[in-house]
């Protein structure tokens, strides 16, 4: 499995809405809470690839199942990642 993932184009709006629904006033607020660079979160929310662990961590904080919004193509997730919230 690839070491990076991206949000499917048809799920980007869902991810952006989840940001607001989970009480984050801005991308910066979520990035700071997770200890991630703002550019990583911005990439996530625009459908660009981000590190696998960061992708899963962002989804967890937004209460989104990462498997449902990730653009896996024909790949099947074969590993799990331990993420601390």
PDB file of N, CA and C in Angstrom:
ATOM      1  N   UNK A   1       0.830  -1.174   0.000  1.00  0.00           N
ATOM      2  CA  UNK A   1       0.000   0.000   0.000  1.00  0.00           C
ATOM      3  C   UNK A   1       0.879   1.243   0.000  1.00  0.00           C
ATOM      4  N   UNK A   2       0.392   2.255  -0.650  1.00  0.00           N
ATOM      5  CA  UNK A   2       1.118   3.507  -0.747  1.00  0.00           C
ATOM      6  C   UNK A   2       1.295   4.142   0.630  1.00  0.00           C
ATOM      7  N   UNK A   3       2.304   4.964   0.762  1.00  0.00           N
ATOM      8  CA  UNK A   3       2.546   5.647   2.033  1.00  0.00           C
ATOM      9  C   UNK A   3       1.782   6.959   2.115  1.00  0.00           C
ATOM     10  N   UNK A   4       1.008   7.269   1.074  1.00  0.00           N
ATOM     11  CA  UNK A   4       0.209   8.484   1.098  1.00  0.00           C
ATOM     12  C   UNK A   4      -1.181   8.211   0.522  1.00  0.00           C
ATOM     13  N   UNK A   5      -2.122   9.049   0.933  1.00  0.00           N
ATOM     14  CA  UNK A   5      -3.505   8.919   0.489  1.00  0.00           C
ATOM     15  C   UNK A   5      -4.035  10.297   0.135  1.00  0.00           C
ATOM     16  N   UNK A   6      -5.148  10.314  -0.586  1.00  0.00           N
ATOM     17  CA  UNK A   6      -5.819  11.577  -0.855  1.00  0.00           C
ATOM     18  C   UNK A   6      -7.319  11.372  -0.782  1.00  0.00           C
ATOM     19  N   UNK A   7      -8.022  12.467  -0.524  1.00  0.00           N
ATOM     20  CA  UNK A   7      -9.479  12.444  -0.452  1.00  0.00           C
ATOM     21  C   UNK A   7     -10.020  12.353  -1.874  1.00  0.00           C
ATOM     22  N   UNK A   8     -11.012  11.461  -2.054  1.00  0.00           N
ATOM     23  CA  UNK A   8     -11.672  11.367  -3.358  1.00  0.00           C
ATOM     24  C   UNK A   8     -12.306  12.708  -3.696  1.00  0.00           C
ATOM     25  N   UNK A   9     -12.341  13.061  -4.955  1.00  0.00           N
ATOM     26  CA  UNK A   9     -12.884  14.354  -5.368  1.00  0.00           C
ATOM     27  C   UNK A   9     -14.342  14.517  -4.952  1.00  0.00           C
ATOM     28  N   UNK A  10     -15.109  13.436  -4.936  1.00  0.00           N
ATOM     29  CA  UNK A  10     -16.516  13.539  -4.543  1.00  0.00           C
ATOM     30  C   UNK A  10     -16.710  13.586  -3.025  1.00  0.00           C
ATOM     31  N   UNK A  11     -15.628  13.523  -2.265  1.00  0.00           N
ATOM     32  CA  UNK A  11     -15.724  13.577  -0.799  1.00  0.00           C
ATOM     33  C   UNK A  11     -15.077  14.816  -0.199  1.00  0.00           C
ATOM     34  N   UNK A  12     -14.517  15.670  -1.030  1.00  0.00           N
ATOM     35  CA  UNK A  12     -13.847  16.871  -0.526  1.00  0.00           C
ATOM     36  C   UNK A  12     -14.834  17.768   0.212  1.00  0.00           C
ATOM     37  N   UNK A  13     -16.025  17.956  -0.354  1.00  0.00           N
ATOM     38  CA  UNK A  13     -17.025  18.806   0.296  1.00  0.00           C
ATOM     39  C   UNK A  13     -17.401  18.239   1.668  1.00  0.00           C
ATOM     40  N   UNK A  14     -17.548  16.914   1.749  1.00  0.00           N
ATOM     41  CA  UNK A  14     -17.869  16.251   3.020  1.00  0.00           C
ATOM     42  C   UNK A  14     -16.778  16.540   4.057  1.00  0.00           C
ATOM     43  N   UNK A  15     -15.527  16.465   3.643  1.00  0.00           N
ATOM     44  CA  UNK A  15     -14.408  16.710   4.560  1.00  0.00           C
ATOM     45  C   UNK A  15     -14.414  18.158   5.045  1.00  0.00           C
ATOM     46  N   UNK A  16     -14.681  19.097   4.141  1.00  0.00           N
ATOM     47  CA  UNK A  16     -14.711  20.511   4.528  1.00  0.00           C
ATOM     48  C   UNK A  16     -15.862  20.800   5.481  1.00  0.00           C
ATOM     49  N   UNK A  17     -17.015  20.184   5.235  1.00  0.00           N
ATOM     50  CA  UNK A  17     -18.156  20.363   6.130  1.00  0.00           C
ATOM     51  C   UNK A  17     -17.873  19.767   7.505  1.00  0.00           C
ATOM     52  N   UNK A  18     -17.167  18.643   7.540  1.00  0.00           N
ATOM     53  CA  UNK A  18     -16.835  17.993   8.815  1.00  0.00           C
ATOM     54  C   UNK A  18     -15.961  18.899   9.670  1.00  0.00           C
ATOM     55  N   UNK A  19     -15.137  19.698   9.036  1.00  0.00           N
ATOM     56  CA  UNK A  19     -14.292  20.644   9.768  1.00  0.00           C
ATOM     57  C   UNK A  19     -15.168  21.579  10.598  1.00  0.00           C
ATOM     58  N   UNK A  20     -16.186  22.149   9.978  1.00  0.00           N
ATOM     59  CA  UNK A  20     -17.088  23.067  10.670  1.00  0.00           C
ATOM     60  C   UNK A  20     -17.957  22.335  11.686  1.00  0.00           C
ATOM     61  N   UNK A  21     -18.482  21.182  11.313  1.00  0.00           N
ATOM     62  CA  UNK A  21     -19.382  20.436  12.187  1.00  0.00           C
ATOM     63  C   UNK A  21     -18.693  19.934  13.458  1.00  0.00           C
ATOM     64  N   UNK A  22     -17.382  19.843  13.421  1.00  0.00           N
ATOM     65  CA  UNK A  22     -16.641  19.365  14.590  1.00  0.00           C
ATOM     66  C   UNK A  22     -16.028  20.501  15.396  1.00  0.00           C
ATOM     67  N   UNK A  23     -16.508  21.721  15.132  1.00  0.00           N
ATOM     68  CA  UNK A  23     -16.137  22.855  15.971  1.00  0.00           C
ATOM     69  C   UNK A  23     -14.812  23.519  15.662  1.00  0.00           C
ATOM     70  N   UNK A  24     -14.264  23.284  14.496  1.00  0.00           N
ATOM     71  CA  UNK A  24     -13.004  23.934  14.141  1.00  0.00           C
ATOM     72  C   UNK A  24     -13.306  25.158  13.288  1.00  0.00           C
ATOM     73  N   UNK A  25     -12.984  26.349  13.786  1.00  0.00           N
ATOM     74  CA  UNK A  25     -13.306  27.572  13.057  1.00  0.00           C
ATOM     75  C   UNK A  25     -12.456  27.770  11.801  1.00  0.00           C
ATOM     76  N   UNK A  26     -11.337  27.061  11.735  1.00  0.00           N
ATOM     77  CA  UNK A  26     -10.443  27.226  10.581  1.00  0.00           C
ATOM     78  C   UNK A  26      -9.581  25.982  10.404  1.00  0.00           C
ATOM     79  N   UNK A  27      -8.979  25.912   9.247  1.00  0.00           N
ATOM     80  CA  UNK A  27      -8.030  24.823   8.982  1.00  0.00           C
ATOM     81  C   UNK A  27      -6.850  24.924   9.948  1.00  0.00           C
ATOM     82  N   UNK A  28      -6.436  26.142  10.209  1.00  0.00           N
ATOM     83  CA  UNK A  28      -5.297  26.359  11.109  1.00  0.00           C
ATOM     84  C   UNK A  28      -5.578  25.790  12.504  1.00  0.00           C
ATOM     85  N   UNK A  29      -6.810  25.968  12.995  1.00  0.00           N
ATOM     86  CA  UNK A  29      -7.170  25.473  14.325  1.00  0.00           C
ATOM     87  C   UNK A  29      -7.024  23.951  14.393  1.00  0.00           C
ATOM     88  N   UNK A  30      -7.495  23.254  13.372  1.00  0.00           N
ATOM     89  CA  UNK A  30      -7.362  21.792  13.362  1.00  0.00           C
ATOM     90  C   UNK A  30      -5.908  21.378  13.210  1.00  0.00           C
ATOM     91  N   UNK A  31      -5.192  22.043  12.324  1.00  0.00           N
ATOM     92  CA  UNK A  31      -3.777  21.714  12.117  1.00  0.00           C
ATOM     93  C   UNK A  31      -2.995  21.861  13.417  1.00  0.00           C
ATOM     94  N   UNK A  32      -3.251  22.952  14.144  1.00  0.00           N
ATOM     95  CA  UNK A  32      -2.547  23.172  15.405  1.00  0.00           C
ATOM     96  C   UNK A  32      -2.914  22.126  16.442  1.00  0.00           C
ATOM     97  N   UNK A  33      -4.195  21.753  16.498  1.00  0.00           N
ATOM     98  CA  UNK A  33      -4.609  20.745  17.481  1.00  0.00           C
ATOM     99  C   UNK A  33      -3.952  19.393  17.203  1.00  0.00           C
ATOM    100  N   UNK A  34      -3.786  19.079  15.930  1.00  0.00           N
ATOM    101  CA  UNK A  34      -3.185  17.795  15.557  1.00  0.00           C
ATOM    102  C   UNK A  34      -1.660  17.850  15.517  1.00  0.00           C
ATOM    103  N   UNK A  35      -1.092  19.046  15.582  1.00  0.00           N
ATOM    104  CA  UNK A  35       0.354  19.181  15.485  1.00  0.00           C
ATOM    105  C   UNK A  35       0.860  18.955  14.070  1.00  0.00           C
ATOM    106  N   UNK A  36       0.026  19.315  13.088  1.00  0.00           N
ATOM    107  CA  UNK A  36       0.397  19.153  11.682  1.00  0.00           C
ATOM    108  C   UNK A  36       0.622  20.518  11.053  1.00  0.00           C
ATOM    109  N   UNK A  37       1.368  20.537   9.972  1.00  0.00           N
ATOM    110  CA  UNK A  37       1.553  21.770   9.222  1.00  0.00           C
ATOM    111  C   UNK A  37       0.239  22.148   8.548  1.00  0.00           C
ATOM    112  N   UNK A  38      -0.020  23.443   8.466  1.00  0.00           N
ATOM    113  CA  UNK A  38      -1.222  23.923   7.791  1.00  0.00           C
ATOM    114  C   UNK A  38      -1.242  23.441   6.342  1.00  0.00           C
ATOM    115  N   UNK A  39      -0.089  23.352   5.720  1.00  0.00           N
ATOM    116  CA  UNK A  39      -0.025  22.892   4.329  1.00  0.00           C
ATOM    117  C   UNK A  39      -0.489  21.444   4.188  1.00  0.00           C
ATOM    118  N   UNK A  40      -0.253  20.622   5.205  1.00  0.00           N
ATOM    119  CA  UNK A  40      -0.713  19.232   5.179  1.00  0.00           C
ATOM    120  C   UNK A  40      -2.232  19.193   5.202  1.00  0.00           C
ATOM    121  N   UNK A  41      -2.834  19.975   6.090  1.00  0.00           N
ATOM    122  CA  UNK A  41      -4.290  19.995   6.181  1.00  0.00           C
ATOM    123  C   UNK A  41      -4.898  20.592   4.916  1.00  0.00           C
ATOM    124  N   UNK A  42      -4.278  21.618   4.394  1.00  0.00           N
ATOM    125  CA  UNK A  42      -4.759  22.232   3.156  1.00  0.00           C
ATOM    126  C   UNK A  42      -4.709  21.217   2.004  1.00  0.00           C
ATOM    127  N   UNK A  43      -3.643  20.460   1.937  1.00  0.00           N
ATOM    128  CA  UNK A  43      -3.529  19.417   0.902  1.00  0.00           C
ATOM    129  C   UNK A  43      -4.637  18.385   1.058  1.00  0.00           C
ATOM    130  N   UNK A  44      -4.883  17.964   2.287  1.00  0.00           N
ATOM    131  CA  UNK A  44      -5.953  17.010   2.577  1.00  0.00           C
ATOM    132  C   UNK A  44      -7.284  17.529   2.052  1.00  0.00           C
ATOM    133  N   UNK A  45      -7.600  18.792   2.356  1.00  0.00           N
ATOM    134  CA  UNK A  45      -8.904  19.365   2.015  1.00  0.00           C
ATOM    135  C   UNK A  45      -9.041  19.774   0.551  1.00  0.00           C
ATOM    136  N   UNK A  46      -7.963  19.665  -0.203  1.00  0.00           N
ATOM    137  CA  UNK A  46      -8.040  19.970  -1.638  1.00  0.00           C
ATOM    138  C   UNK A  46      -7.806  18.731  -2.497  1.00  0.00           C
ATOM    139  N   UNK A  47      -7.745  17.576  -1.862  1.00  0.00           N
ATOM    140  CA  UNK A  47      -7.628  16.334  -2.614  1.00  0.00           C
ATOM    141  C   UNK A  47      -6.225  15.999  -3.084  1.00  0.00           C
ATOM    142  N   UNK A  48      -5.230  16.606  -2.452  1.00  0.00           N
ATOM    143  CA  UNK A  48      -3.842  16.277  -2.772  1.00  0.00           C
ATOM    144  C   UNK A  48      -3.362  15.200  -1.799  1.00  0.00           C
ATOM    145  N   UNK A  49      -2.319  14.499  -2.160  1.00  0.00           N
ATOM    146  CA  UNK A  49      -1.845  13.411  -1.317  1.00  0.00           C
ATOM    147  C   UNK A  49      -1.198  13.938  -0.034  1.00  0.00           C
ATOM    148  N   UNK A  50      -1.445  13.199   1.045  1.00  0.00           N
ATOM    149  CA  UNK A  50      -0.811  13.465   2.333  1.00  0.00           C
ATOM    150  C   UNK A  50      -0.341  12.128   2.901  1.00  0.00           C
ATOM    151  N   UNK A  51       0.548  12.202   3.851  1.00  0.00           N
ATOM    152  CA  UNK A  51       1.072  11.013   4.512  1.00  0.00           C
ATOM    153  C   UNK A  51      -0.072  10.158   5.064  1.00  0.00           C
ATOM    154  N   UNK A  52       0.050   8.867   4.930  1.00  0.00           N
ATOM    155  CA  UNK A  52      -0.976   7.905   5.359  1.00  0.00           C
ATOM    156  C   UNK A  52      -1.401   8.134   6.811  1.00  0.00           C
ATOM    157  N   UNK A  53      -0.440   8.243   7.716  1.00  0.00           N
ATOM    158  CA  UNK A  53      -0.759   8.414   9.138  1.00  0.00           C
ATOM    159  C   UNK A  53      -1.475   9.732   9.386  1.00  0.00           C
ATOM    160  N   UNK A  54      -1.046  10.806   8.718  1.00  0.00           N
ATOM    161  CA  UNK A  54      -1.701  12.104   8.872  1.00  0.00           C
ATOM    162  C   UNK A  54      -3.126  12.041   8.335  1.00  0.00           C
ATOM    163  N   UNK A  55      -3.321  11.363   7.216  1.00  0.00           N
ATOM    164  CA  UNK A  55      -4.650  11.212   6.617  1.00  0.00           C
ATOM    165  C   UNK A  55      -5.603  10.542   7.603  1.00  0.00           C
ATOM    166  N   UNK A  56      -5.164   9.446   8.183  1.00  0.00           N
ATOM    167  CA  UNK A  56      -5.985   8.699   9.125  1.00  0.00           C
ATOM    168  C   UNK A  56      -6.254   9.529  10.383  1.00  0.00           C
ATOM    169  N   UNK A  57      -5.254  10.260  10.846  1.00  0.00           N
ATOM    170  CA  UNK A  57      -5.409  11.086  12.040  1.00  0.00           C
ATOM    171  C   UNK A  57      -6.404  12.230  11.798  1.00  0.00           C
ATOM    172  N   UNK A  58      -6.312  12.881  10.661  1.00  0.00           N
ATOM    173  CA  UNK A  58      -7.242  13.961  10.328  1.00  0.00           C
ATOM    174  C   UNK A  58      -8.664  13.417  10.260  1.00  0.00           C
ATOM    175  N   UNK A  59      -8.834  12.307   9.579  1.00  0.00           N
ATOM    176  CA  UNK A  59     -10.169  11.701   9.471  1.00  0.00           C
ATOM    177  C   UNK A  59     -10.729  11.352  10.844  1.00  0.00           C
ATOM    178  N   UNK A  60      -9.901  10.817  11.707  1.00  0.00           N
ATOM    179  CA  UNK A  60     -10.351  10.470  13.051  1.00  0.00           C
ATOM    180  C   UNK A  60     -10.833  11.694  13.813  1.00  0.00           C
ATOM    181  N   UNK A  61     -10.105  12.783  13.713  1.00  0.00           N
ATOM    182  CA  UNK A  61     -10.480  14.014  14.407  1.00  0.00           C
ATOM    183  C   UNK A  61     -11.757  14.607  13.834  1.00  0.00           C
ATOM    184  N   UNK A  62     -12.007  14.366  12.541  1.00  0.00           N
ATOM    185  CA  UNK A  62     -13.206  14.882  11.892  1.00  0.00           C
ATOM    186  C   UNK A  62     -14.366  13.887  11.933  1.00  0.00           C
ATOM    187  N   UNK A  63     -14.150  12.750  12.593  1.00  0.00           N
ATOM    188  CA  UNK A  63     -15.175  11.703  12.712  1.00  0.00           C
ATOM    189  C   UNK A  63     -15.639  11.203  11.350  1.00  0.00           C
ATOM    190  N   UNK A  64     -14.663  10.992  10.475  1.00  0.00           N
ATOM    191  CA  UNK A  64     -14.932  10.466   9.133  1.00  0.00           C
ATOM    192  C   UNK A  64     -14.183   9.139   9.011  1.00  0.00           C
ATOM    193  N   UNK A  65     -14.827   8.139   8.420  1.00  0.00           N
ATOM    194  CA  UNK A  65     -14.145   6.871   8.163  1.00  0.00           C
ATOM    195  C   UNK A  65     -13.190   7.080   6.992  1.00  0.00           C
ATOM    196  N   UNK A  66     -11.896   6.984   7.258  1.00  0.00           N
ATOM    197  CA  UNK A  66     -10.906   7.279   6.222  1.00  0.00           C
ATOM    198  C   UNK A  66     -11.047   6.366   5.015  1.00  0.00           C
ATOM    199  N   UNK A  67     -11.539   5.146   5.221  1.00  0.00           N
ATOM    200  CA  UNK A  67     -11.686   4.205   4.103  1.00  0.00           C
ATOM    201  C   UNK A  67     -12.779   4.654   3.137  1.00  0.00           C
ATOM    202  N   UNK A  68     -13.767   5.380   3.659  1.00  0.00           N
ATOM    203  CA  UNK A  68     -14.880   5.815   2.828  1.00  0.00           C
ATOM    204  C   UNK A  68     -14.542   7.010   1.947  1.00  0.00           C
ATOM    205  N   UNK A  69     -13.612   7.865   2.383  1.00  0.00           N
ATOM    206  CA  UNK A  69     -13.325   9.064   1.591  1.00  0.00           C
ATOM    207  C   UNK A  69     -11.986   9.015   0.864  1.00  0.00           C
ATOM    208  N   UNK A  70     -11.180   7.998   1.127  1.00  0.00           N
ATOM    209  CA  UNK A  70      -9.861   7.947   0.496  1.00  0.00           C
ATOM    210  C   UNK A  70      -9.941   7.425  -0.930  1.00  0.00           C
ATOM    211  N   UNK A  71      -9.102   7.984  -1.752  1.00  0.00           N
ATOM    212  CA  UNK A  71      -8.985   7.575  -3.149  1.00  0.00           C
ATOM    213  C   UNK A  71      -7.958   6.451  -3.201  1.00  0.00           C
ATOM    214  N   UNK A  72      -8.445   5.232  -3.082  1.00  0.00           N
ATOM    215  CA  UNK A  72      -7.561   4.068  -3.067  1.00  0.00           C
ATOM    216  C   UNK A  72      -7.384   3.464  -4.450  1.00  0.00           C
ATOM    217  N   UNK A  73      -8.155   3.926  -5.415  1.00  0.00           N
ATOM    218  CA  UNK A  73      -8.108   3.299  -6.729  1.00  0.00           C
ATOM    219  C   UNK A  73      -8.564   1.867  -6.579  1.00  0.00           C
ATOM    220  N   UNK A  74      -7.791   0.933  -7.043  1.00  0.00           N
ATOM    221  CA  UNK A  74      -8.148  -0.476  -6.904  1.00  0.00           C
ATOM    222  C   UNK A  74      -7.393  -1.147  -5.765  1.00  0.00           C
ATOM    223  N   UNK A  75      -6.687  -0.319  -4.960  1.00  0.00           N
ATOM    224  CA  UNK A  75      -5.919  -0.877  -3.846  1.00  0.00           C
ATOM    225  C   UNK A  75      -6.828  -1.131  -2.659  1.00  0.00           C
ATOM    226  N   UNK A  76      -6.494  -2.106  -1.886  1.00  0.00           N
ATOM    227  CA  UNK A  76      -7.223  -2.419  -0.659  1.00  0.00           C
ATOM    228  C   UNK A  76      -6.299  -2.171   0.519  1.00  0.00           C
ATOM    229  N   UNK A  77      -6.767  -1.461   1.543  1.00  0.00           N
ATOM    230  CA  UNK A  77      -5.898  -1.202   2.693  1.00  0.00           C
ATOM    231  C   UNK A  77      -5.418  -2.498   3.314  1.00  0.00           C
ATOM    232  N   UNK A  78      -4.113  -2.633   3.460  1.00  0.00           N
ATOM    233  CA  UNK A  78      -3.574  -3.875   3.978  1.00  0.00           C
ATOM    234  C   UNK A  78      -2.876  -3.699   5.312  1.00  0.00           C
ATOM    235  N   UNK A  79      -2.843  -2.473   5.805  1.00  0.00           N
ATOM    236  CA  UNK A  79      -2.191  -2.241   7.074  1.00  0.00           C
ATOM    237  C   UNK A  79      -3.002  -1.265   7.887  1.00  0.00           C
ATOM    238  N   UNK A  80      -2.800  -1.322   9.171  1.00  0.00           N
ATOM    239  CA  UNK A  80      -3.495  -0.373  10.029  1.00  0.00           C
ATOM    240  C   UNK A  80      -2.453   0.556  10.641  1.00  0.00           C
ATOM    241  N   UNK A  81      -2.941   1.657  11.134  1.00  0.00           N
ATOM    242  CA  UNK A  81      -2.060   2.651  11.721  1.00  0.00           C
ATOM    243  C   UNK A  81      -2.597   2.979  13.107  1.00  0.00           C
ATOM    244  N   UNK A  82      -1.708   3.065  14.068  1.00  0.00           N
ATOM    245  CA  UNK A  82      -2.106   3.453  15.407  1.00  0.00           C
ATOM    246  C   UNK A  82      -2.032   4.966  15.489  1.00  0.00           C
ATOM    247  N   UNK A  83      -3.171   5.577  15.786  1.00  0.00           N
ATOM    248  CA  UNK A  83      -3.233   7.026  15.865  1.00  0.00           C
ATOM    249  C   UNK A  83      -3.676   7.408  17.261  1.00  0.00           C
ATOM    250  N   UNK A  84      -2.990   8.355  17.853  1.00  0.00           N
ATOM    251  CA  UNK A  84      -3.341   8.813  19.204  1.00  0.00           C
ATOM    252  C   UNK A  84      -4.164  10.086  19.089  1.00  0.00           C
ATOM    253  N   UNK A  85      -5.295  10.102  19.771  1.00  0.00           N
ATOM    254  CA  UNK A  85      -6.158  11.285  19.743  1.00  0.00           C
ATOM    255  C   UNK A  85      -6.079  11.990  21.056  1.00  0.00           C
TER     256      UNK A  85
END
